[in-house]
Amino acid sequence: MQGMVVTSHSLSALIDALPLPVIVIGSDNRVVAANPPIDAVLGPDLRGRHYITALRQPALLDSVVAAQAEGTPQVTRFVGRDGASDTHYRVVLSPADGNIVLTFEDQTAAEEVGQMRRDFVANVSHELRTPLTALLGFIETLGGAARNDAAARDRFLAIMEHEASRMTRLVDDLLSLSRVEEDERVRPREHVDMAALLSSVIKGLEPQLEAASVKVLLQSDGDGEMVPGDAGQLVQVFTNLIENGIKYGAAGGVVSVTLHPKAFHQRLRGEGVQIVVADKGEGIPSHHIARLTERFYRVDSHRSREVGGTGLGLAIVKHIVNRHRGRLVIESEEGQGTSVSVFLPSR
C-alpha cells in the first residue's frame, strides 16, 4: 500500500478541524500550519515564521529542540495572557514525518482550582495557628511561673476558653461550608414560611441582642409567603446576616429585617420574595464589597477576630443562596450602614 502524501494544504485543513489550538513546525524550523484557535494563544499570522519568534518562551523552545533531537514526544507548559490574567496551557510536542506538532490544552481552570485549594489550606493553617500558639503559651505559663498565681490562672483560663471557642467556631464553619458546597447543585424541595422563619431566628438571637443593646425590628409585608427551601440552611443565612448587623452595626442600635411580599424581580427573572437585613453602623468602604463573600476575607481582621468572626460566614451565605437559585446583594455606604438583600424565587 502506498503511503498517503500530506500536502501543506491538506495539513492545514486537517488541523483546522481540531478544536484545540495546534501549530506545526516543519523541518526548516518554520511554522508550516496553524489552526484558528492558536491565534488566541500565540497571535495571528504565524505561518512562515521561525518557531523562535512564534513561541518565544524558553521552556517551550527547549522542548522543540529536544523533540527534534530525540524524535520523542515532549510535554511542557506555556503561560499566556488573557486580558489582565494569565492562561496556563499544557503543551504536547509530537514528532511526525520531520515535523513537530504542538497541541495546546487550556489548564487555566485546573490551575485556579489548585491555587484556591492552596490558598484555602494556607488560610486555615493561619487561622488555627494563632489560637493554638496562644493556648500552648498559656499552658506552658500555667505549668511554670503562674502555677501558684490564682489571679493569673483565672485570667489565662478565660483567654484559653476564648481561643478554644474560636477554633471550635472555625471548625464548625468549615464543616458547614463543606456540607453546603456538597449540596449546592441539589435544589431544595420543601416549602418554608419565611415570616415564621425570620421570627424564629430573631427570637433565638435575643441573648446576643440584649448583650449588645441592639434591637431587631421585623417588618413583614409577606406573611404566609412560602418559598422552596431548606429551612435549616435559611436559618443559617439569616442568623449570620443578623449577627453581622449586631457585631458590626451595633453603633446604630437597631437592625431592621424586612420581608417584602412576592413580586417580579429582574435579578431572579421571575417571581420571588426579597428579605433585607440592614443596620445603621459604620458601613463598608466600596472597594471591599465585591470581595466580602470570599473565604476568610475580612474588612478589619483584628476587629473581626475580636467579635468572634471566622471569615467564612458570608461565603456560607453565598453558597446557600446559590443552592436556592437566589441572589445576594450587598450595599453599603461609609457612615450610613449596610444593607444585605436576599432574593429567593417563589417556585
Protein backbone atom coordinates (compact mmCIF):
# COMPACT_ATOMS: atom_id res chain seq x y z
CA MET A 1 0.00 0.00 0.00
CA GLN A 2 1.41 3.32 -0.99
CA GLY A 3 1.84 5.92 1.74
CA MET A 4 -0.50 8.88 1.70
CA VAL A 5 1.19 12.18 0.85
CA VAL A 6 0.09 15.02 3.13
CA THR A 7 0.37 18.37 1.36
CA SER A 8 0.62 21.73 3.11
CA HIS A 9 -2.97 22.45 2.10
CA SER A 10 -4.33 19.13 3.42
CA LEU A 11 -2.31 19.53 6.64
CA SER A 12 -3.87 22.93 7.24
CA ALA A 13 -7.34 21.55 6.53
CA LEU A 14 -6.69 18.67 8.93
CA ILE A 15 -5.60 20.79 11.91
CA ASP A 16 -8.30 23.39 11.19
CA ALA A 17 -10.81 20.67 12.08
CA LEU A 18 -9.29 20.23 15.55
CA PRO A 19 -10.90 22.13 18.47
CA LEU A 20 -7.63 22.55 20.41
CA PRO A 21 -5.02 25.16 19.41
CA VAL A 22 -2.43 23.43 17.16
CA ILE A 23 0.73 24.61 15.42
CA VAL A 24 3.06 22.57 13.18
CA ILE A 25 6.79 23.29 12.84
CA GLY A 26 8.42 21.99 9.68
CA SER A 27 11.89 20.54 9.15
CA ASP A 28 13.15 24.02 8.19
CA ASN A 29 12.17 25.29 11.68
CA ARG A 30 9.36 27.43 10.30
CA VAL A 31 5.65 27.25 11.03
CA VAL A 32 4.01 25.28 8.22
CA ALA A 33 0.48 25.18 9.64
CA ALA A 34 -1.55 26.82 12.41
CA ASN A 35 -5.26 26.49 13.10
CA PRO A 36 -7.59 29.39 14.08
CA PRO A 37 -7.73 28.61 17.85
CA ILE A 38 -3.95 29.09 18.13
CA ASP A 39 -4.38 32.78 17.22
CA ALA A 40 -5.79 33.44 20.69
CA VAL A 41 -2.68 31.84 22.25
CA LEU A 42 0.26 32.97 20.09
CA GLY A 43 -1.27 35.67 17.92
CA PRO A 44 -2.21 35.76 14.20
CA ASP A 45 -0.12 35.31 11.01
CA LEU A 46 2.14 32.54 12.32
CA ARG A 47 2.69 30.66 9.03
CA GLY A 48 6.15 31.07 7.61
CA ARG A 49 7.66 32.49 10.79
CA HIS A 50 10.63 30.86 12.54
CA TYR A 51 9.39 28.94 15.57
CA ILE A 52 11.61 31.00 17.92
CA THR A 53 9.75 34.21 17.03
CA ALA A 54 6.38 32.43 17.21
CA LEU A 55 6.80 30.63 20.54
CA ARG A 56 9.14 32.93 22.47
CA GLN A 57 9.09 31.20 25.88
CA PRO A 58 12.39 29.42 26.76
CA ALA A 59 10.85 26.26 28.24
CA LEU A 60 8.77 25.71 25.10
CA LEU A 61 11.72 26.43 22.80
CA ASP A 62 13.87 23.92 24.71
CA SER A 63 11.14 21.29 24.27
CA VAL A 64 11.09 21.88 20.49
CA VAL A 65 14.87 21.33 20.37
CA ALA A 66 14.53 18.14 22.46
CA ALA A 67 11.70 16.78 20.27
CA GLN A 68 13.76 17.40 17.12
CA ALA A 69 16.94 15.91 18.56
CA GLU A 70 15.42 12.87 20.29
CA GLY A 71 12.46 12.21 17.99
CA THR A 72 10.25 11.51 21.02
CA PRO A 73 7.17 13.34 22.35
CA GLN A 74 7.74 16.10 24.89
CA VAL A 75 5.38 17.74 27.36
CA THR A 76 5.83 21.25 28.74
CA ARG A 77 3.87 24.28 29.89
CA PHE A 78 3.09 27.61 28.29
CA VAL A 79 1.81 30.70 30.10
CA GLY A 80 -0.11 33.22 28.02
CA ARG A 81 -2.14 36.32 28.77
CA ASP A 82 -5.89 36.77 28.56
CA GLY A 83 -6.52 40.39 29.40
CA ALA A 84 -5.31 41.00 32.94
CA SER A 85 -4.93 37.33 33.90
CA ASP A 86 -2.57 34.50 32.98
CA THR A 87 -3.70 31.50 30.98
CA HIS A 88 -1.95 28.17 31.53
CA TYR A 89 -1.53 25.56 28.80
CA ARG A 90 -0.21 22.02 28.78
CA VAL A 91 1.69 21.64 25.52
CA VAL A 92 2.34 18.24 23.91
CA LEU A 93 5.04 18.21 21.19
CA SER A 94 4.77 15.20 18.87
CA PRO A 95 7.35 14.49 16.12
CA ALA A 96 5.68 13.41 12.84
CA ASP A 97 7.47 12.88 9.49
CA GLY A 98 10.10 15.52 10.19
CA ASN A 99 7.53 17.97 11.56
CA ILE A 100 6.78 18.83 15.19
CA VAL A 101 3.09 19.08 16.05
CA LEU A 102 2.35 21.22 19.12
CA THR A 103 -1.05 20.84 20.79
CA PHE A 104 -2.10 23.37 23.46
CA GLU A 105 -4.58 22.27 26.15
CA ASP A 106 -6.01 25.01 28.38
CA GLN A 107 -5.34 24.16 32.03
CA THR A 108 -6.30 27.55 33.48
CA ALA A 109 -9.39 26.30 35.34
CA ALA A 110 -7.43 23.44 36.93
CA GLU A 111 -4.65 25.85 37.91
CA GLU A 112 -7.17 28.20 39.52
CA VAL A 113 -8.76 25.33 41.47
CA GLY A 114 -5.31 24.25 42.63
CA GLN A 115 -4.45 27.80 43.69
CA MET A 116 -7.76 28.12 45.54
CA ARG A 117 -7.01 24.87 47.36
CA ARG A 118 -3.52 26.09 48.31
CA ASP A 119 -4.87 29.45 49.48
CA PHE A 120 -7.59 27.70 51.47
CA VAL A 121 -5.12 25.42 53.26
CA ALA A 122 -2.83 28.39 53.96
CA ASN A 123 -5.73 30.43 55.38
CA VAL A 124 -7.00 27.60 57.58
CA SER A 125 -3.47 26.97 58.84
CA HIS A 126 -3.06 30.66 59.66
CA GLU A 127 -6.43 30.88 61.41
CA LEU A 128 -5.66 27.84 63.57
CA ARG A 129 -2.04 28.68 64.28
CA THR A 130 -2.79 31.90 66.20
CA PRO A 131 -5.14 30.42 68.83
CA LEU A 132 -3.04 27.25 69.08
CA THR A 133 0.09 29.30 69.73
CA ALA A 134 -1.76 31.26 72.42
CA LEU A 135 -3.05 28.07 74.06
CA LEU A 136 0.38 26.45 74.10
CA GLY A 137 1.91 29.60 75.56
CA PHE A 138 -0.63 29.83 78.36
CA ILE A 139 -0.37 26.11 79.12
CA GLU A 140 3.40 26.47 79.45
CA THR A 141 2.98 29.52 81.70
CA LEU A 142 0.40 27.80 83.89
CA GLY A 143 2.74 24.85 84.28
CA GLY A 144 5.56 27.15 85.36
CA ALA A 145 5.63 30.72 86.61
CA ALA A 146 1.86 31.09 87.10
CA ARG A 147 1.31 27.70 88.70
CA ASN A 148 0.52 29.16 92.11
CA ASP A 149 -0.84 32.55 90.97
CA ALA A 150 -4.62 32.23 91.29
CA ALA A 151 -5.40 35.60 89.65
CA ALA A 152 -3.14 34.91 86.65
CA ARG A 153 -4.52 31.38 86.36
CA ASP A 154 -8.12 32.61 86.18
CA ARG A 155 -7.20 35.27 83.63
CA PHE A 156 -5.29 32.82 81.44
CA LEU A 157 -8.02 30.18 81.62
CA ALA A 158 -10.58 32.75 80.43
CA ILE A 159 -8.38 33.63 77.45
CA MET A 160 -7.79 29.95 76.71
CA GLU A 161 -11.54 29.32 76.74
CA HIS A 162 -12.00 32.20 74.27
CA GLU A 163 -9.31 30.85 71.91
CA ALA A 164 -10.67 27.29 72.11
CA SER A 165 -14.17 28.59 71.33
CA ARG A 166 -12.75 30.46 68.36
CA MET A 167 -11.21 27.27 66.98
CA THR A 168 -14.48 25.41 67.54
CA ARG A 169 -16.40 28.07 65.59
CA LEU A 170 -13.86 27.86 62.78
CA VAL A 171 -14.12 24.07 62.56
CA ASP A 172 -17.94 24.26 62.68
CA ASP A 173 -17.96 26.83 59.86
CA LEU A 174 -15.54 24.76 57.77
CA LEU A 175 -17.77 21.69 58.15
CA SER A 176 -20.85 23.77 57.35
CA LEU A 177 -19.21 25.23 54.24
CA SER A 178 -18.22 21.75 53.08
CA ARG A 179 -21.78 20.44 53.51
CA VAL A 180 -23.27 23.45 51.73
CA GLU A 181 -20.90 23.11 48.77
CA GLU A 182 -21.70 19.41 48.54
CA ASP A 183 -25.45 20.11 48.32
CA GLU A 184 -25.21 23.26 46.18
CA ARG A 185 -26.35 21.62 42.95
CA VAL A 186 -29.39 19.99 44.58
CA ARG A 187 -32.27 22.43 44.77
CA PRO A 188 -34.41 22.17 47.96
CA ARG A 189 -37.95 20.83 47.51
CA GLU A 190 -39.57 21.68 50.86
CA HIS A 191 -41.59 24.87 51.30
CA VAL A 192 -40.70 27.35 54.02
CA ASP A 193 -42.83 30.08 55.61
CA MET A 194 -40.36 32.99 55.55
CA ALA A 195 -42.19 35.19 58.07
CA ALA A 196 -42.25 32.38 60.65
CA LEU A 197 -38.63 31.50 59.95
CA LEU A 198 -37.41 35.10 60.42
CA SER A 199 -39.37 35.44 63.68
CA SER A 200 -37.78 32.22 64.94
CA VAL A 201 -34.27 33.39 64.02
CA ILE A 202 -34.73 36.72 65.82
CA LYS A 203 -36.09 35.00 68.94
CA GLY A 204 -33.06 32.70 69.00
CA LEU A 205 -30.73 35.71 68.93
CA GLU A 206 -32.33 37.51 71.89
CA PRO A 207 -29.39 36.84 74.31
CA GLN A 208 -26.93 38.40 71.82
CA LEU A 209 -29.25 41.33 71.19
CA GLU A 210 -29.58 42.00 74.91
CA ALA A 211 -25.83 41.74 75.48
CA ALA A 212 -25.11 44.18 72.63
CA SER A 213 -28.02 46.52 73.50
CA VAL A 214 -29.32 46.19 69.95
CA LYS A 215 -32.92 45.88 68.83
CA VAL A 216 -34.14 43.98 65.77
CA LEU A 217 -37.18 45.40 64.06
CA LEU A 218 -39.03 42.88 61.90
CA GLN A 219 -41.33 44.28 59.25
CA SER A 220 -43.23 41.62 57.36
CA ASP A 221 -45.36 42.56 54.38
CA GLY A 222 -45.20 38.99 53.17
CA ASP A 223 -46.90 36.98 55.90
CA GLY A 224 -47.62 33.48 54.71
CA GLU A 225 -45.20 33.76 51.79
CA MET A 226 -43.79 30.29 51.04
CA VAL A 227 -40.58 29.62 49.14
CA PRO A 228 -38.92 26.35 48.14
CA GLY A 229 -36.10 26.00 50.61
CA ASP A 230 -34.08 24.15 53.18
CA ALA A 231 -35.28 25.60 56.48
CA GLY A 232 -32.07 24.73 58.35
CA GLN A 233 -29.88 26.41 55.76
CA LEU A 234 -32.09 29.50 55.53
CA VAL A 235 -31.87 29.82 59.30
CA GLN A 236 -28.07 29.82 58.85
CA VAL A 237 -28.33 32.59 56.26
CA PHE A 238 -30.42 34.98 58.32
CA THR A 239 -28.74 34.14 61.63
CA ASN A 240 -25.43 35.06 60.01
CA LEU A 241 -26.71 38.28 58.45
CA ILE A 242 -28.45 39.47 61.62
CA GLU A 243 -25.40 38.54 63.74
CA ASN A 244 -23.25 40.62 61.39
CA GLY A 245 -25.64 43.52 61.93
CA ILE A 246 -25.30 43.07 65.69
CA LYS A 247 -21.49 42.79 65.61
CA TYR A 248 -20.61 45.45 63.06
CA GLY A 249 -23.66 47.71 63.10
CA ALA A 250 -24.20 47.90 66.87
CA ALA A 251 -23.32 51.59 66.89
CA GLY A 252 -26.68 52.25 65.25
CA GLY A 253 -28.55 50.37 67.98
CA VAL A 254 -31.07 48.90 65.53
CA VAL A 255 -31.02 46.12 62.92
CA SER A 256 -34.03 46.05 60.62
CA VAL A 257 -35.28 42.92 58.90
CA THR A 258 -37.84 43.48 56.15
CA LEU A 259 -39.75 40.74 54.32
CA HIS A 260 -41.26 42.14 51.14
CA PRO A 261 -44.27 40.45 49.52
CA LYS A 262 -43.91 38.26 46.46
CA ALA A 263 -43.20 40.24 43.30
CA PHE A 264 -41.39 40.02 39.99
CA HIS A 265 -37.64 40.62 40.42
CA GLN A 266 -35.34 41.21 37.49
CA ARG A 267 -32.46 39.64 39.40
CA LEU A 268 -34.43 36.38 39.60
CA ARG A 269 -36.02 36.81 36.18
CA GLY A 270 -39.22 35.72 37.83
CA GLU A 271 -41.36 35.99 40.94
CA GLY A 272 -39.87 35.77 44.39
CA VAL A 273 -39.51 37.39 47.80
CA GLN A 274 -36.92 39.89 48.97
CA ILE A 275 -35.60 39.91 52.52
CA VAL A 276 -33.49 42.91 53.56
CA VAL A 277 -31.25 42.95 56.65
CA ALA A 278 -29.99 46.48 57.31
CA ASP A 279 -28.08 48.30 60.04
CA LYS A 280 -27.05 51.88 60.72
CA GLY A 281 -23.46 51.11 61.63
CA GLU A 282 -20.17 52.41 60.25
CA GLY A 283 -20.69 50.97 56.77
CA ILE A 284 -18.14 49.31 54.50
CA PRO A 285 -15.79 51.04 52.03
CA SER A 286 -16.93 50.37 48.47
CA HIS A 287 -13.72 48.63 47.37
CA HIS A 288 -14.33 45.83 49.89
CA ILE A 289 -17.89 44.96 48.89
CA ALA A 290 -17.13 42.79 45.85
CA ARG A 291 -14.87 40.54 47.95
CA LEU A 292 -16.99 40.15 51.09
CA THR A 293 -18.21 36.65 50.15
CA GLU A 294 -14.68 35.30 49.60
CA ARG A 295 -13.48 32.78 52.16
CA PHE A 296 -11.53 34.39 55.00
CA TYR A 297 -11.86 37.88 53.54
CA ARG A 298 -12.25 40.49 56.25
CA VAL A 299 -12.62 44.26 56.09
CA ASP A 300 -10.97 44.60 59.51
CA SER A 301 -9.20 41.37 60.51
CA HIS A 302 -8.42 42.44 64.07
CA ARG A 303 -11.97 43.57 64.83
CA SER A 304 -13.48 40.52 63.15
CA ARG A 305 -11.47 38.16 65.34
CA GLU A 306 -12.29 40.18 68.45
CA VAL A 307 -16.03 39.74 67.89
CA GLY A 308 -15.65 36.06 67.03
CA GLY A 309 -15.79 36.17 63.23
CA THR A 310 -14.22 33.30 61.28
CA GLY A 311 -14.23 34.98 57.86
CA LEU A 312 -16.45 32.21 56.45
CA GLY A 313 -19.94 33.42 57.29
CA LEU A 314 -20.74 35.30 54.09
CA ALA A 315 -19.12 32.57 51.98
CA ILE A 316 -21.58 30.10 53.55
CA VAL A 317 -24.45 32.55 52.94
CA LYS A 318 -23.48 32.91 49.27
CA HIS A 319 -23.40 29.16 48.67
CA ILE A 320 -26.74 28.60 50.41
CA VAL A 321 -28.39 31.38 48.40
CA ASN A 322 -26.90 29.90 45.22
CA ARG A 323 -28.34 26.50 46.14
CA HIS A 324 -31.76 28.12 46.44
CA ARG A 325 -31.26 29.72 42.98
CA GLY A 326 -31.47 33.09 44.69
CA ARG A 327 -29.41 36.27 44.58
CA LEU A 328 -27.38 38.05 47.27
CA VAL A 329 -26.88 41.82 47.02
CA ILE A 330 -24.73 43.78 49.49
CA GLU A 331 -24.95 47.57 49.55
CA SER A 332 -23.12 49.85 51.94
CA GLU A 333 -22.02 53.43 52.41
CA GLU A 334 -19.46 54.59 54.95
CA GLY A 335 -21.19 56.24 57.88
CA GLN A 336 -24.63 55.18 56.63
CA GLY A 337 -24.71 51.46 57.44
CA THR A 338 -25.04 48.28 55.42
CA SER A 339 -27.97 46.62 53.68
CA VAL A 340 -27.98 42.99 52.56
CA SER A 341 -30.78 41.76 50.29
CA VAL A 342 -31.59 38.11 49.74
CA PHE A 343 -33.82 37.34 46.77
CA LEU A 344 -35.45 33.89 46.83
CA PRO A 345 -37.60 32.52 43.99
CA SER A 346 -41.14 31.57 44.95
CA ARG A 347 -41.15 28.47 42.77
